[in-house]
C-alpha cells in the first residue's frame, strides 16, 4: 500500500508560512501557537522545534509530547483550523501533563477549544 500522508498534520512549508502570515499568534513561557482558519473539515497540527531548544533527543521528545497533548485535546477542538505549535527552550523539561495544560490554555485563549460550560 502506498504511503498516505497524515491528514491531521501540516507538512508543506507553504502551509506553515500561511499560518505564520495569516494566522493569529498566542504565546506563553513554553510555546508559541499560530492559529489560521481554513476550509478543510478537520483541525491540523504543525510542530516546529528549533535547534536552539536542544539536541535531537530533546527536540523529538518535545514533538512527541506536543502530538500527544494535541491527540488528547482534539475531540474538544473546533474544526477548520491549522495550528502551528512552536516549542521554546523552557518547555524542554516539561512533563506530558504540563504540556497539555499549557497548550489547553493557549487553545482556549485562541478560541479554538470548546469549553465544558458551553
Protein backbone atom coordinates (compact mmCIF):
# COMPACT_ATOMS: atom_id res chain seq x y z
CA UNK A 1 0.00 0.00 0.00
CA UNK A 2 1.45 3.42 -0.91
CA UNK A 3 2.32 5.94 1.78
CA UNK A 4 -0.61 8.13 2.79
CA UNK A 5 0.22 11.48 4.39
CA UNK A 6 -1.34 12.03 7.78
CA UNK A 7 -4.47 14.15 7.18
CA UNK A 8 -4.20 15.93 10.53
CA UNK A 9 -0.64 17.23 10.10
CA UNK A 10 0.90 20.17 8.30
CA UNK A 11 3.88 19.05 6.23
CA UNK A 12 4.47 21.56 3.43
CA UNK A 13 6.44 24.73 4.09
CA UNK A 14 3.74 26.86 2.40
CA UNK A 15 1.20 25.54 4.92
CA UNK A 16 3.43 26.68 7.78
CA UNK A 17 4.07 30.04 6.07
CA UNK A 18 0.33 30.61 5.63
CA UNK A 19 -0.19 30.02 9.37
CA UNK A 20 2.68 32.37 10.24
CA UNK A 21 1.49 35.20 7.98
CA UNK A 22 -2.31 34.90 8.11
CA UNK A 23 -2.79 33.27 11.50
CA UNK A 24 -3.20 34.79 14.93
CA UNK A 25 -0.30 34.41 17.37
CA UNK A 26 -0.62 33.36 21.02
CA UNK A 27 2.19 32.55 23.43
CA UNK A 28 3.24 31.69 26.95
CA UNK A 29 6.60 30.79 28.52
CA UNK A 30 6.72 27.37 26.86
CA UNK A 31 5.03 27.58 23.45
CA UNK A 32 4.01 29.94 20.67
CA UNK A 33 1.00 28.94 18.60
CA UNK A 34 -0.27 30.29 15.30
CA UNK A 35 -3.94 29.63 14.51
CA UNK A 36 -5.20 30.03 10.95
CA UNK A 37 -8.76 29.39 9.76
CA UNK A 38 -9.08 27.03 6.74
CA UNK A 39 -11.76 25.46 4.57
CA UNK A 40 -10.77 21.89 5.50
CA UNK A 41 -13.10 19.89 7.72
CA UNK A 42 -10.55 18.88 10.34
CA UNK A 43 -8.09 20.76 12.50
CA UNK A 44 -4.48 20.12 11.54
CA UNK A 45 -1.30 20.40 13.59
CA UNK A 46 2.16 21.56 12.61
CA UNK A 47 5.11 21.44 15.01
CA UNK A 48 8.31 23.46 14.93
CA UNK A 49 11.12 22.92 17.40
CA UNK A 50 14.40 24.63 16.51
CA UNK A 51 17.93 23.50 17.30
CA UNK A 52 18.11 26.25 19.94
CA UNK A 53 15.92 24.04 22.13
CA UNK A 54 18.46 21.24 22.33
CA UNK A 55 19.83 18.21 20.59
CA UNK A 56 17.65 15.84 18.57
CA UNK A 57 16.66 13.75 21.59
CA UNK A 58 15.16 16.76 23.38
CA UNK A 59 13.55 18.12 20.21
CA UNK A 60 11.95 14.79 19.32
CA UNK A 61 10.71 14.31 22.89
CA UNK A 62 9.09 17.72 22.80
CA UNK A 63 7.42 16.93 19.46
CA UNK A 64 6.07 13.65 20.84
CA UNK A 65 4.65 15.42 23.89
CA UNK A 66 3.02 18.11 21.72
CA UNK A 67 1.47 15.46 19.43
CA UNK A 68 0.15 13.55 22.46
CA UNK A 69 -1.36 16.70 24.00
CA UNK A 70 -2.98 17.53 20.64
CA UNK A 71 -4.40 13.99 20.44
CA UNK A 72 -5.91 14.37 23.92
CA UNK A 73 -7.39 17.82 23.16
CA UNK A 74 -8.52 17.07 19.59
CA UNK A 75 -12.10 16.00 20.44
CA UNK A 76 -12.66 19.42 22.02
CA UNK A 77 -11.05 21.49 19.23
CA UNK A 78 -13.15 23.38 16.71
CA UNK A 79 -12.76 22.13 13.12
CA UNK A 80 -11.42 24.11 10.14
CA UNK A 81 -8.19 25.39 11.72
CA UNK A 82 -4.50 24.94 11.10
CA UNK A 83 -2.45 25.19 14.29
CA UNK A 84 1.34 25.53 14.34
CA UNK A 85 2.98 24.95 17.72
CA UNK A 86 6.50 26.31 18.19
CA UNK A 87 8.35 24.80 21.15
CA UNK A 88 10.53 27.07 23.28
CA UNK A 89 13.60 26.09 25.26
CA UNK A 90 11.76 26.46 28.58
CA UNK A 91 9.43 23.59 27.58
CA UNK A 92 12.31 21.15 27.25
CA UNK A 93 11.87 19.57 30.68
CA UNK A 94 8.08 19.71 31.00
CA UNK A 95 6.05 16.60 31.78
CA UNK A 96 3.27 15.43 29.47
CA UNK A 97 0.66 16.84 31.84
CA UNK A 98 2.28 20.28 31.90
CA UNK A 99 2.50 20.34 28.09
CA UNK A 100 -1.21 19.52 27.85
CA UNK A 101 -2.18 22.18 30.42
CA UNK A 102 -0.10 24.83 28.67
CA UNK A 103 -1.50 24.01 25.22
CA UNK A 104 -5.06 23.82 26.60
CA UNK A 105 -4.70 27.35 27.97
CA UNK A 106 -3.30 28.63 24.67
CA UNK A 107 -6.02 26.91 22.60
CA UNK A 108 -8.62 28.35 24.96
CA UNK A 109 -7.16 31.84 24.56
CA UNK A 110 -7.19 31.34 20.78
CA UNK A 111 -10.91 30.41 20.97
CA UNK A 112 -10.43 27.07 19.22
CA UNK A 113 -11.23 24.96 22.28
CA UNK A 114 -14.81 24.05 23.17
CA UNK A 115 -15.22 24.67 26.89
CA UNK A 116 -17.27 22.40 29.17
CA UNK A 117 -19.64 25.25 30.09
CA UNK A 118 -20.84 25.98 26.55
